[in-house]
Each structure stands twice: as structure tokens, then as C-alpha cells.
Amino acid sequence: MMIDKFFWTLRAVLYKPFFGKFSLPSYLGKPTLILGIKRIFIDKKVRIFPHVRMETHQNGTITIQEDVIISQNVHITSASNLVIGKKSLILANVFITNIDHEYQEIGKHVVKQKYLVKETTIGENAYIGMGAAIMAGTKLGKQCVVGANSVVRGEFPDYCVIVGAPARVVKKYNPDTKIWEAI
């Protein structure tokens, strides 16, 4: 694994001039696709594992704040400003977007219909479980935990556990008792 990280760091150094920002020390496993690289901004201590797919469309940006870990096979796509808060952990096979496709025009291929762009933000210290889909219009507060395979859309407060398809809050942190309490 250490040899992999050496090559991932070397890749980060080589790719650095092409990104809008790529702060070191960060590393980048071999990506599947990076589209709109000049509109992707990566802070320091970001660890991106292999097979990430990051796409910016129109004038969209992707900002990954410091000390974020992105596991393998993660797909992030943006047509506005998508932010992943510092110290977040995103497990494998996660999809994060701020884009929906219009589908109203019958007989017209969905990908040829206009984008419906809705702000999506991931609060700091989020934990997004394996296989989750963070859909357009999602706003996660600080330290939200998203369960594996959850389909998330909507606004969620700080310090909550979100699970299901569609996802809903099942626990919140109570600062008075200092316990995560079921809802």
C-alpha cells in the first residue's frame, strides 16, 4: 500500500498544474475520468483513491476542502458550485451531484434535455456510507452520517443519522445528554 501511495502522490504532483487548485500534501489514485479539471479545487491532505470520476459541466465547480477521504469508485458531478466539507469521509461507490435531467419532453432523449441544477453541499466531518446517492438539492449539515445505499435528497440538520431510500433522519445528537438519540 505504501508503494501505491507513493505513485498516487507522484500523480498528484504531475496533475497539480491542470487543476484549478490542488494543494499538497494530497494524493490521487488513478482516476476513471476527470472532466473540467480547471474547475476542480482540492485543498491539502485530501486522499482520493482510484477510479474516481469527477465532472464539471457548464460553469460548475467542485471544491473538496481539507482532510477529506474519497474511497474508490466515487462519482461526483457538478453544474454549479458543489462543496464537500473538510474532514469528511466518503466510502466506495458513492454518487454526489447537483444535477438532475429534465424529462418532460416526450420522444427526446433525457440527456439532450436541459439540466435542472440544485445546490448540493456536504457539511464538514460528514460520513457517507458505501453506495449512497447524494442527489441534487441535498444540503447535509455538520457531522451527518449517511447510511449505506441511502438515496438522499433534501436539507438535513447538523449531527444527524440519515438512512433509507428515500433517506430520512433516524437519529440526532443531543448536546445536553451527549448521546445520539433515535427519533
N, C-alpha and C. Protein backbone atom coordinates (compact mmCIF):
# COMPACT_ATOMS: atom_id res chain seq x y z
N MET A 1 0.82 -1.20 0.00
CA MET A 1 0.00 0.00 0.00
C MET A 1 0.87 1.26 0.00
N MET A 2 2.01 1.22 0.66
CA MET A 2 2.89 2.39 0.69
C MET A 2 3.39 2.75 -0.71
N ILE A 3 3.68 1.72 -1.52
CA ILE A 3 4.15 1.99 -2.88
C ILE A 3 3.05 2.63 -3.70
N ASP A 4 1.79 2.19 -3.48
CA ASP A 4 0.66 2.81 -4.16
C ASP A 4 0.57 4.29 -3.81
N LYS A 5 0.67 4.60 -2.54
CA LYS A 5 0.57 6.00 -2.10
C LYS A 5 1.70 6.85 -2.67
N PHE A 6 2.88 6.25 -2.84
CA PHE A 6 3.98 6.97 -3.48
C PHE A 6 3.57 7.38 -4.91
N PHE A 7 3.03 6.42 -5.67
CA PHE A 7 2.63 6.73 -7.04
C PHE A 7 1.43 7.68 -7.08
N TRP A 8 0.53 7.56 -6.11
CA TRP A 8 -0.63 8.46 -6.06
C TRP A 8 -0.16 9.89 -5.77
N THR A 9 0.86 10.02 -4.91
CA THR A 9 1.42 11.35 -4.62
C THR A 9 2.14 11.90 -5.86
N LEU A 10 2.87 11.05 -6.52
CA LEU A 10 3.54 11.47 -7.76
C LEU A 10 2.51 11.92 -8.80
N ARG A 11 1.42 11.17 -8.95
CA ARG A 11 0.34 11.55 -9.87
C ARG A 11 -0.22 12.92 -9.49
N ALA A 12 -0.42 13.15 -8.20
CA ALA A 12 -0.94 14.44 -7.74
C ALA A 12 -0.01 15.57 -8.15
N VAL A 13 1.28 15.37 -7.99
CA VAL A 13 2.26 16.40 -8.36
C VAL A 13 2.20 16.66 -9.87
N LEU A 14 2.07 15.60 -10.66
CA LEU A 14 2.01 15.76 -12.12
C LEU A 14 0.71 16.41 -12.59
N TYR A 15 -0.41 16.09 -11.94
CA TYR A 15 -1.71 16.64 -12.32
C TYR A 15 -1.93 18.05 -11.78
N LYS A 16 -1.21 18.41 -10.71
CA LYS A 16 -1.42 19.67 -10.00
C LYS A 16 -1.59 20.89 -10.90
N PRO A 17 -0.76 21.11 -11.90
CA PRO A 17 -0.90 22.32 -12.72
C PRO A 17 -2.20 22.38 -13.53
N PHE A 18 -2.86 21.26 -13.72
CA PHE A 18 -4.05 21.22 -14.55
C PHE A 18 -5.34 21.51 -13.77
N PHE A 19 -5.31 21.30 -12.46
CA PHE A 19 -6.46 21.57 -11.61
C PHE A 19 -6.60 23.06 -11.38
N GLY A 20 -7.82 23.52 -11.01
CA GLY A 20 -8.00 24.90 -10.56
C GLY A 20 -7.15 25.14 -9.33
N LYS A 21 -7.08 24.12 -8.46
CA LYS A 21 -6.24 24.14 -7.26
C LYS A 21 -6.03 22.69 -6.85
N PHE A 22 -4.81 22.36 -6.49
CA PHE A 22 -4.51 21.05 -5.93
C PHE A 22 -3.41 21.24 -4.91
N SER A 23 -3.80 21.30 -3.64
CA SER A 23 -2.85 21.56 -2.56
C SER A 23 -2.20 20.27 -2.08
N LEU A 24 -0.94 20.37 -1.80
CA LEU A 24 -0.19 19.24 -1.27
C LEU A 24 0.01 19.44 0.23
N PRO A 25 0.11 18.42 1.05
CA PRO A 25 0.12 17.03 0.63
C PRO A 25 -1.30 16.48 0.44
N SER A 26 -1.59 16.08 -0.74
CA SER A 26 -2.81 15.35 -1.10
C SER A 26 -2.38 14.30 -2.09
N TYR A 27 -3.18 13.26 -2.26
CA TYR A 27 -2.83 12.30 -3.30
C TYR A 27 -4.05 11.89 -4.09
N LEU A 28 -3.77 11.30 -5.26
CA LEU A 28 -4.80 10.98 -6.24
C LEU A 28 -4.52 9.62 -6.85
N GLY A 29 -5.39 8.65 -6.54
CA GLY A 29 -5.29 7.36 -7.20
C GLY A 29 -5.68 7.52 -8.66
N LYS A 30 -5.40 6.52 -9.48
CA LYS A 30 -5.67 6.62 -10.91
C LYS A 30 -7.17 6.87 -11.13
N PRO A 31 -7.53 8.02 -11.72
CA PRO A 31 -8.94 8.33 -11.93
C PRO A 31 -9.52 7.58 -13.13
N THR A 32 -10.83 7.40 -13.12
CA THR A 32 -11.53 6.87 -14.29
C THR A 32 -11.75 7.99 -15.29
N LEU A 33 -12.19 9.17 -14.80
CA LEU A 33 -12.43 10.32 -15.67
C LEU A 33 -12.37 11.59 -14.84
N ILE A 34 -11.72 12.61 -15.38
CA ILE A 34 -11.77 13.95 -14.80
C ILE A 34 -12.11 14.89 -15.95
N LEU A 35 -13.28 15.50 -15.87
CA LEU A 35 -13.77 16.39 -16.92
C LEU A 35 -13.92 17.79 -16.33
N GLY A 36 -13.37 18.80 -16.98
CA GLY A 36 -13.42 20.17 -16.45
C GLY A 36 -12.45 20.35 -15.31
N ILE A 37 -11.26 19.81 -15.44
CA ILE A 37 -10.27 19.76 -14.36
C ILE A 37 -9.92 21.15 -13.81
N LYS A 38 -9.95 22.17 -14.65
CA LYS A 38 -9.62 23.54 -14.19
C LYS A 38 -10.65 24.09 -13.21
N ARG A 39 -11.82 23.46 -13.14
CA ARG A 39 -12.88 23.91 -12.24
C ARG A 39 -13.03 22.98 -11.03
N ILE A 40 -11.96 22.24 -10.74
CA ILE A 40 -11.93 21.36 -9.58
C ILE A 40 -10.85 21.88 -8.64
N PHE A 41 -11.22 22.09 -7.36
CA PHE A 41 -10.35 22.72 -6.37
C PHE A 41 -10.19 21.77 -5.18
N ILE A 42 -8.97 21.36 -4.93
CA ILE A 42 -8.69 20.37 -3.90
C ILE A 42 -7.74 20.98 -2.87
N ASP A 43 -8.17 20.99 -1.61
CA ASP A 43 -7.35 21.52 -0.52
C ASP A 43 -6.33 20.47 -0.07
N LYS A 44 -5.56 20.83 0.95
CA LYS A 44 -4.48 19.95 1.44
C LYS A 44 -5.03 18.75 2.20
N LYS A 45 -4.22 17.71 2.24
CA LYS A 45 -4.50 16.47 2.96
C LYS A 45 -5.75 15.76 2.46
N VAL A 46 -6.06 15.89 1.17
CA VAL A 46 -7.18 15.17 0.57
C VAL A 46 -6.64 13.87 -0.01
N ARG A 47 -7.29 12.76 0.33
CA ARG A 47 -6.89 11.45 -0.18
C ARG A 47 -7.98 10.94 -1.09
N ILE A 48 -7.65 10.78 -2.37
CA ILE A 48 -8.61 10.29 -3.35
C ILE A 48 -8.10 8.95 -3.87
N PHE A 49 -8.88 7.91 -3.64
CA PHE A 49 -8.50 6.56 -4.03
C PHE A 49 -8.82 6.34 -5.51
N PRO A 50 -8.37 5.22 -6.08
CA PRO A 50 -8.52 5.01 -7.53
C PRO A 50 -9.97 4.98 -8.01
N HIS A 51 -10.10 5.25 -9.29
CA HIS A 51 -11.34 5.14 -10.06
C HIS A 51 -12.37 6.21 -9.72
N VAL A 52 -11.90 7.37 -9.24
CA VAL A 52 -12.82 8.48 -9.04
C VAL A 52 -13.23 9.00 -10.41
N ARG A 53 -14.45 9.50 -10.48
CA ARG A 53 -14.94 10.17 -11.69
C ARG A 53 -15.47 11.52 -11.23
N MET A 54 -14.80 12.60 -11.66
CA MET A 54 -15.23 13.96 -11.31
C MET A 54 -15.50 14.71 -12.60
N GLU A 55 -16.70 15.30 -12.69
CA GLU A 55 -17.10 16.02 -13.88
C GLU A 55 -17.67 17.37 -13.50
N THR A 56 -17.21 18.41 -14.20
CA THR A 56 -17.87 19.71 -14.10
C THR A 56 -18.46 20.02 -15.46
N HIS A 57 -19.69 20.50 -15.45
CA HIS A 57 -20.41 20.85 -16.68
C HIS A 57 -20.79 22.32 -16.61
N GLN A 58 -20.98 22.92 -17.76
CA GLN A 58 -21.29 24.34 -17.86
C GLN A 58 -20.21 25.09 -17.08
N ASN A 59 -20.56 25.91 -16.12
CA ASN A 59 -19.55 26.61 -15.32
C ASN A 59 -19.47 26.04 -13.91
N GLY A 60 -19.83 24.79 -13.75
CA GLY A 60 -19.83 24.17 -12.43
C GLY A 60 -18.43 24.03 -11.85
N THR A 61 -18.39 23.95 -10.52
CA THR A 61 -17.13 23.71 -9.82
C THR A 61 -17.33 22.62 -8.79
N ILE A 62 -16.24 21.97 -8.46
CA ILE A 62 -16.20 21.01 -7.35
C ILE A 62 -15.10 21.49 -6.42
N THR A 63 -15.45 21.71 -5.15
CA THR A 63 -14.47 22.11 -4.14
C THR A 63 -14.43 21.03 -3.07
N ILE A 64 -13.25 20.47 -2.86
CA ILE A 64 -13.06 19.46 -1.83
C ILE A 64 -12.16 20.08 -0.78
N GLN A 65 -12.73 20.33 0.39
CA GLN A 65 -11.99 21.01 1.45
C GLN A 65 -10.98 20.05 2.10
N GLU A 66 -10.16 20.59 3.00
CA GLU A 66 -9.03 19.83 3.52
C GLU A 66 -9.42 18.60 4.34
N ASP A 67 -8.52 17.63 4.31
CA ASP A 67 -8.59 16.40 5.11
C ASP A 67 -9.81 15.54 4.78
N VAL A 68 -10.18 15.50 3.50
CA VAL A 68 -11.29 14.66 3.03
C VAL A 68 -10.71 13.37 2.47
N ILE A 69 -11.41 12.26 2.72
CA ILE A 69 -11.04 10.97 2.14
C ILE A 69 -12.16 10.54 1.21
N ILE A 70 -11.80 10.24 -0.03
CA ILE A 70 -12.75 9.76 -1.02
C ILE A 70 -12.30 8.37 -1.45
N SER A 71 -13.10 7.38 -1.14
CA SER A 71 -12.75 5.99 -1.45
C SER A 71 -12.91 5.70 -2.95
N GLN A 72 -12.67 4.46 -3.34
CA GLN A 72 -12.68 4.09 -4.74
C GLN A 72 -14.07 4.12 -5.36
N ASN A 73 -14.09 4.34 -6.68
CA ASN A 73 -15.31 4.29 -7.50
C ASN A 73 -16.34 5.34 -7.11
N VAL A 74 -15.91 6.51 -6.72
CA VAL A 74 -16.85 7.60 -6.37
C VAL A 74 -17.04 8.47 -7.60
N HIS A 75 -18.29 8.90 -7.83
CA HIS A 75 -18.65 9.73 -8.98
C HIS A 75 -19.22 11.04 -8.45
N ILE A 76 -18.58 12.16 -8.81
CA ILE A 76 -19.02 13.49 -8.39
C ILE A 76 -19.22 14.32 -9.65
N THR A 77 -20.40 14.93 -9.79
CA THR A 77 -20.69 15.72 -10.98
C THR A 77 -21.38 17.01 -10.58
N SER A 78 -21.00 18.12 -11.25
CA SER A 78 -21.49 19.44 -10.84
C SER A 78 -21.70 20.36 -12.04
N ALA A 79 -22.81 21.11 -11.99
CA ALA A 79 -23.07 22.17 -12.98
C ALA A 79 -23.25 23.51 -12.28
N SER A 80 -22.97 23.58 -10.98
CA SER A 80 -22.91 24.85 -10.25
C SER A 80 -21.76 24.71 -9.26
N ASN A 81 -21.93 25.13 -8.03
CA ASN A 81 -20.85 25.01 -7.04
C ASN A 81 -21.18 23.89 -6.06
N LEU A 82 -20.42 22.83 -6.10
CA LEU A 82 -20.61 21.69 -5.21
C LEU A 82 -19.43 21.66 -4.24
N VAL A 83 -19.73 21.65 -2.94
CA VAL A 83 -18.69 21.69 -1.91
C VAL A 83 -18.79 20.46 -1.02
N ILE A 84 -17.63 19.84 -0.79
CA ILE A 84 -17.51 18.74 0.17
C ILE A 84 -16.70 19.29 1.34
N GLY A 85 -17.34 19.35 2.51
CA GLY A 85 -16.74 19.97 3.69
C GLY A 85 -15.55 19.21 4.24
N LYS A 86 -14.71 19.95 4.95
CA LYS A 86 -13.47 19.39 5.49
C LYS A 86 -13.73 18.22 6.42
N LYS A 87 -12.75 17.34 6.49
CA LYS A 87 -12.73 16.16 7.36
C LYS A 87 -13.84 15.16 7.06
N SER A 88 -14.40 15.19 5.86
CA SER A 88 -15.45 14.23 5.51
C SER A 88 -14.85 12.93 5.00
N LEU A 89 -15.62 11.86 5.15
CA LEU A 89 -15.24 10.54 4.66
C LEU A 89 -16.33 10.06 3.73
N ILE A 90 -15.95 9.74 2.50
CA ILE A 90 -16.90 9.25 1.51
C ILE A 90 -16.45 7.85 1.12
N LEU A 91 -17.27 6.86 1.43
CA LEU A 91 -16.89 5.48 1.15
C LEU A 91 -17.12 5.13 -0.32
N ALA A 92 -16.79 3.91 -0.69
CA ALA A 92 -16.79 3.46 -2.08
C ALA A 92 -18.18 3.50 -2.73
N ASN A 93 -18.16 3.67 -4.04
CA ASN A 93 -19.35 3.55 -4.88
C ASN A 93 -20.42 4.59 -4.58
N VAL A 94 -20.01 5.75 -4.11
CA VAL A 94 -20.94 6.84 -3.79
C VAL A 94 -21.09 7.75 -5.02
N PHE A 95 -22.29 8.31 -5.19
CA PHE A 95 -22.59 9.27 -6.25
C PHE A 95 -23.04 10.56 -5.60
N ILE A 96 -22.43 11.68 -6.00
CA ILE A 96 -22.79 13.00 -5.47
C ILE A 96 -23.00 13.93 -6.65
N THR A 97 -24.15 14.64 -6.68
CA THR A 97 -24.43 15.52 -7.81
C THR A 97 -25.26 16.73 -7.39
N ASN A 98 -25.23 17.75 -8.23
CA ASN A 98 -26.16 18.87 -8.10
C ASN A 98 -26.96 19.02 -9.39
N ILE A 99 -26.98 17.96 -10.19
CA ILE A 99 -27.65 17.98 -11.50
C ILE A 99 -28.75 16.92 -11.55
N ASP A 100 -29.92 17.33 -12.03
CA ASP A 100 -30.95 16.41 -12.48
C ASP A 100 -31.14 16.68 -13.96
N HIS A 101 -31.69 15.74 -14.68
CA HIS A 101 -32.03 15.97 -16.08
C HIS A 101 -33.53 16.19 -16.20
N GLU A 102 -33.91 17.16 -17.00
CA GLU A 102 -35.32 17.34 -17.34
C GLU A 102 -35.76 16.10 -18.12
N TYR A 103 -37.01 15.71 -18.01
CA TYR A 103 -37.50 14.53 -18.73
C TYR A 103 -38.88 14.77 -19.35
N GLN A 104 -39.35 16.02 -19.31
CA GLN A 104 -40.72 16.34 -19.71
C GLN A 104 -40.99 16.18 -21.21
N GLU A 105 -39.98 16.38 -22.05
CA GLU A 105 -40.20 16.33 -23.49
C GLU A 105 -40.24 14.88 -23.98
N ILE A 106 -41.44 14.42 -24.30
CA ILE A 106 -41.64 13.04 -24.76
C ILE A 106 -40.95 12.86 -26.11
N GLY A 107 -40.27 11.74 -26.28
CA GLY A 107 -39.60 11.44 -27.53
C GLY A 107 -38.21 12.05 -27.65
N LYS A 108 -37.81 12.89 -26.69
CA LYS A 108 -36.48 13.49 -26.72
C LYS A 108 -35.62 12.80 -25.67
N HIS A 109 -34.46 12.35 -26.07
CA HIS A 109 -33.55 11.65 -25.16
C HIS A 109 -33.31 12.51 -23.91
N VAL A 110 -33.33 11.90 -22.75
CA VAL A 110 -33.17 12.61 -21.49
C VAL A 110 -31.87 13.40 -21.45
N VAL A 111 -30.78 12.85 -21.94
CA VAL A 111 -29.51 13.57 -21.88
C VAL A 111 -29.45 14.78 -22.81
N LYS A 112 -30.42 14.90 -23.71
CA LYS A 112 -30.48 16.06 -24.59
C LYS A 112 -31.44 17.12 -24.07
N GLN A 113 -32.06 16.85 -22.93
CA GLN A 113 -32.92 17.84 -22.29
C GLN A 113 -32.09 18.65 -21.30
N LYS A 114 -32.60 19.79 -20.90
CA LYS A 114 -31.80 20.70 -20.09
C LYS A 114 -31.52 20.14 -18.69
N TYR A 115 -30.44 20.68 -18.10
CA TYR A 115 -30.11 20.34 -16.73
C TYR A 115 -31.03 21.09 -15.78
N LEU A 116 -31.37 20.44 -14.69
CA LEU A 116 -32.04 21.08 -13.56
C LEU A 116 -31.00 21.09 -12.44
N VAL A 117 -30.46 22.25 -12.15
CA VAL A 117 -29.35 22.37 -11.21
C VAL A 117 -29.89 22.85 -9.87
N LYS A 118 -29.54 22.13 -8.81
CA LYS A 118 -29.96 22.47 -7.45
C LYS A 118 -28.75 22.36 -6.54
N GLU A 119 -28.57 23.36 -5.69
CA GLU A 119 -27.38 23.40 -4.82
C GLU A 119 -27.27 22.15 -3.97
N THR A 120 -26.05 21.61 -3.93
CA THR A 120 -25.72 20.44 -3.11
C THR A 120 -24.47 20.76 -2.31
N THR A 121 -24.54 20.55 -0.99
CA THR A 121 -23.37 20.76 -0.13
C THR A 121 -23.27 19.62 0.88
N ILE A 122 -22.06 19.25 1.17
CA ILE A 122 -21.78 18.23 2.18
C ILE A 122 -21.09 18.97 3.32
N GLY A 123 -21.69 18.98 4.50
CA GLY A 123 -21.12 19.67 5.65
C GLY A 123 -19.85 19.01 6.13
N GLU A 124 -19.11 19.73 6.95
CA GLU A 124 -17.83 19.20 7.43
C GLU A 124 -18.04 17.97 8.32
N ASN A 125 -17.04 17.10 8.28
CA ASN A 125 -17.00 15.88 9.08
C ASN A 125 -18.16 14.94 8.79
N ALA A 126 -18.64 14.97 7.55
CA ALA A 126 -19.71 14.04 7.14
C ALA A 126 -19.12 12.65 6.94
N TYR A 127 -19.97 11.67 7.12
CA TYR A 127 -19.61 10.27 6.87
C TYR A 127 -20.67 9.73 5.93
N ILE A 128 -20.27 9.42 4.70
CA ILE A 128 -21.22 8.96 3.70
C ILE A 128 -20.93 7.49 3.42
N GLY A 129 -21.89 6.64 3.76
CA GLY A 129 -21.72 5.19 3.67
C GLY A 129 -21.67 4.68 2.25
N MET A 130 -21.16 3.48 2.12
CA MET A 130 -20.95 2.83 0.83
C MET A 130 -22.22 2.78 -0.01
N GLY A 131 -22.08 3.17 -1.26
CA GLY A 131 -23.19 3.05 -2.21
C GLY A 131 -24.26 4.11 -2.11
N ALA A 132 -24.07 5.11 -1.27
CA ALA A 132 -25.09 6.16 -1.12
C ALA A 132 -25.15 7.03 -2.37
N ALA A 133 -26.32 7.61 -2.61
CA ALA A 133 -26.51 8.57 -3.70
C ALA A 133 -26.96 9.88 -3.07
N ILE A 134 -26.14 10.91 -3.23
CA ILE A 134 -26.46 12.25 -2.73
C ILE A 134 -26.96 13.03 -3.93
N MET A 135 -28.26 13.24 -3.99
CA MET A 135 -28.91 13.79 -5.17
C MET A 135 -28.92 15.31 -5.16
N ALA A 136 -29.21 15.89 -6.33
CA ALA A 136 -29.26 17.35 -6.49
C ALA A 136 -30.22 17.96 -5.48
N GLY A 137 -29.78 19.06 -4.87
CA GLY A 137 -30.61 19.75 -3.89
C GLY A 137 -30.40 19.30 -2.46
N THR A 138 -29.40 18.46 -2.23
CA THR A 138 -29.13 17.97 -0.88
C THR A 138 -28.19 18.93 -0.16
N LYS A 139 -28.54 19.22 1.08
CA LYS A 139 -27.68 20.02 1.95
C LYS A 139 -27.53 19.26 3.25
N LEU A 140 -26.33 18.71 3.46
CA LEU A 140 -26.04 17.99 4.70
C LEU A 140 -25.35 18.93 5.66
N GLY A 141 -25.83 18.98 6.90
CA GLY A 141 -25.20 19.78 7.93
C GLY A 141 -23.90 19.15 8.40
N LYS A 142 -23.33 19.73 9.47
CA LYS A 142 -22.09 19.22 10.05
C LYS A 142 -22.30 17.83 10.60
N GLN A 143 -21.31 17.00 10.44
CA GLN A 143 -21.21 15.67 11.03
C GLN A 143 -22.46 14.82 10.83
N CYS A 144 -23.03 14.89 9.63
CA CYS A 144 -24.13 13.99 9.28
C CYS A 144 -23.55 12.63 8.91
N VAL A 145 -24.27 11.58 9.27
CA VAL A 145 -23.90 10.22 8.92
C VAL A 145 -24.96 9.72 7.95
N VAL A 146 -24.53 9.28 6.77
CA VAL A 146 -25.45 8.76 5.77
C VAL A 146 -25.23 7.26 5.66
N GLY A 147 -26.29 6.48 5.85
CA GLY A 147 -26.19 5.03 5.81
C GLY A 147 -25.90 4.49 4.42
N ALA A 148 -25.34 3.29 4.38
CA ALA A 148 -25.02 2.62 3.12
C ALA A 148 -26.25 2.50 2.24
N ASN A 149 -26.08 2.73 0.95
CA ASN A 149 -27.12 2.59 -0.07
C ASN A 149 -28.30 3.54 0.10
N SER A 150 -28.15 4.58 0.88
CA SER A 150 -29.23 5.55 1.06
C SER A 150 -29.32 6.44 -0.18
N VAL A 151 -30.54 6.89 -0.47
CA VAL A 151 -30.78 7.84 -1.55
C VAL A 151 -31.24 9.12 -0.88
N VAL A 152 -30.38 10.15 -0.93
CA VAL A 152 -30.55 11.34 -0.10
C VAL A 152 -30.89 12.54 -0.97
N ARG A 153 -31.97 13.23 -0.60
CA ARG A 153 -32.34 14.50 -1.23
C ARG A 153 -33.05 15.33 -0.18
N GLY A 154 -32.68 16.59 -0.08
CA GLY A 154 -33.31 17.49 0.88
C GLY A 154 -32.29 18.11 1.80
N GLU A 155 -32.80 18.85 2.78
CA GLU A 155 -31.93 19.52 3.75
C GLU A 155 -31.96 18.78 5.07
N PHE A 156 -30.77 18.56 5.64
CA PHE A 156 -30.64 17.81 6.87
C PHE A 156 -29.81 18.61 7.85
N PRO A 157 -30.24 18.67 9.12
CA PRO A 157 -29.54 19.49 10.11
C PRO A 157 -28.21 18.87 10.53
N ASP A 158 -27.43 19.65 11.29
CA ASP A 158 -26.18 19.17 11.85
C ASP A 158 -26.44 17.95 12.74
N TYR A 159 -25.47 17.07 12.83
CA TYR A 159 -25.43 15.97 13.80
C TYR A 159 -26.65 15.06 13.72
N CYS A 160 -26.88 14.49 12.54
CA CYS A 160 -27.97 13.52 12.43
C CYS A 160 -27.52 12.31 11.62
N VAL A 161 -28.26 11.22 11.80
CA VAL A 161 -28.03 9.98 11.06
C VAL A 161 -29.18 9.85 10.08
N ILE A 162 -28.83 9.64 8.81
CA ILE A 162 -29.80 9.62 7.72
C ILE A 162 -29.69 8.27 7.03
N VAL A 163 -30.81 7.56 6.86
CA VAL A 163 -30.78 6.25 6.20
C VAL A 163 -32.02 6.07 5.34
N GLY A 164 -31.91 5.16 4.38
CA GLY A 164 -33.06 4.72 3.62
C GLY A 164 -33.12 5.25 2.20
N ALA A 165 -34.16 4.80 1.49
CA ALA A 165 -34.40 5.22 0.12
C ALA A 165 -35.92 5.39 -0.04
N PRO A 166 -36.43 6.58 0.08
CA PRO A 166 -35.72 7.84 0.28
C PRO A 166 -35.22 7.96 1.72
N ALA A 167 -34.14 8.69 1.87
CA ALA A 167 -33.49 8.81 3.17
C ALA A 167 -34.29 9.70 4.12
N ARG A 168 -34.20 9.36 5.39
CA ARG A 168 -34.84 10.16 6.44
C ARG A 168 -33.96 10.12 7.68
N VAL A 169 -34.15 11.10 8.54
CA VAL A 169 -33.37 11.18 9.78
C VAL A 169 -33.91 10.13 10.76
N VAL A 170 -32.99 9.32 11.32
CA VAL A 170 -33.38 8.31 12.30
C VAL A 170 -32.76 8.56 13.67
N LYS A 171 -31.72 9.41 13.71
CA LYS A 171 -31.08 9.76 14.99
C LYS A 171 -30.57 11.18 14.90
N LYS A 172 -30.51 11.82 16.07
CA LYS A 172 -29.90 13.14 16.20
C LYS A 172 -29.04 13.14 17.46
N TYR A 173 -27.99 13.94 17.40
CA TYR A 173 -27.14 14.08 18.57
C TYR A 173 -27.76 15.11 19.50
N ASN A 174 -27.89 14.73 20.78
CA ASN A 174 -28.44 15.63 21.79
C ASN A 174 -27.25 16.23 22.56
N PRO A 175 -27.00 17.54 22.39
CA PRO A 175 -25.84 18.14 23.07
C PRO A 175 -25.99 18.19 24.59
N ASP A 176 -27.23 18.13 25.09
CA ASP A 176 -27.43 18.13 26.54
C ASP A 176 -27.03 16.81 27.18
N THR A 177 -27.48 15.69 26.57
CA THR A 177 -27.17 14.37 27.12
C THR A 177 -25.88 13.79 26.54
N LYS A 178 -25.40 14.42 25.45
CA LYS A 178 -24.21 13.94 24.73
C LYS A 178 -24.40 12.52 24.21
N ILE A 179 -25.62 12.23 23.74
CA ILE A 179 -25.97 10.91 23.21
C ILE A 179 -26.67 11.09 21.86
N TRP A 180 -26.39 10.14 20.95
CA TRP A 180 -27.13 10.08 19.69
C TRP A 180 -28.46 9.38 19.99
N GLU A 181 -29.55 10.10 19.82
CA GLU A 181 -30.86 9.59 20.22
C GLU A 181 -31.73 9.27 19.00
N ALA A 182 -32.41 8.12 19.06
CA ALA A 182 -33.31 7.72 17.99
C ALA A 182 -34.50 8.67 17.94
N ILE A 183 -35.00 8.87 16.76
CA ILE A 183 -36.15 9.77 16.56
C ILE A 183 -37.43 8.95 16.56
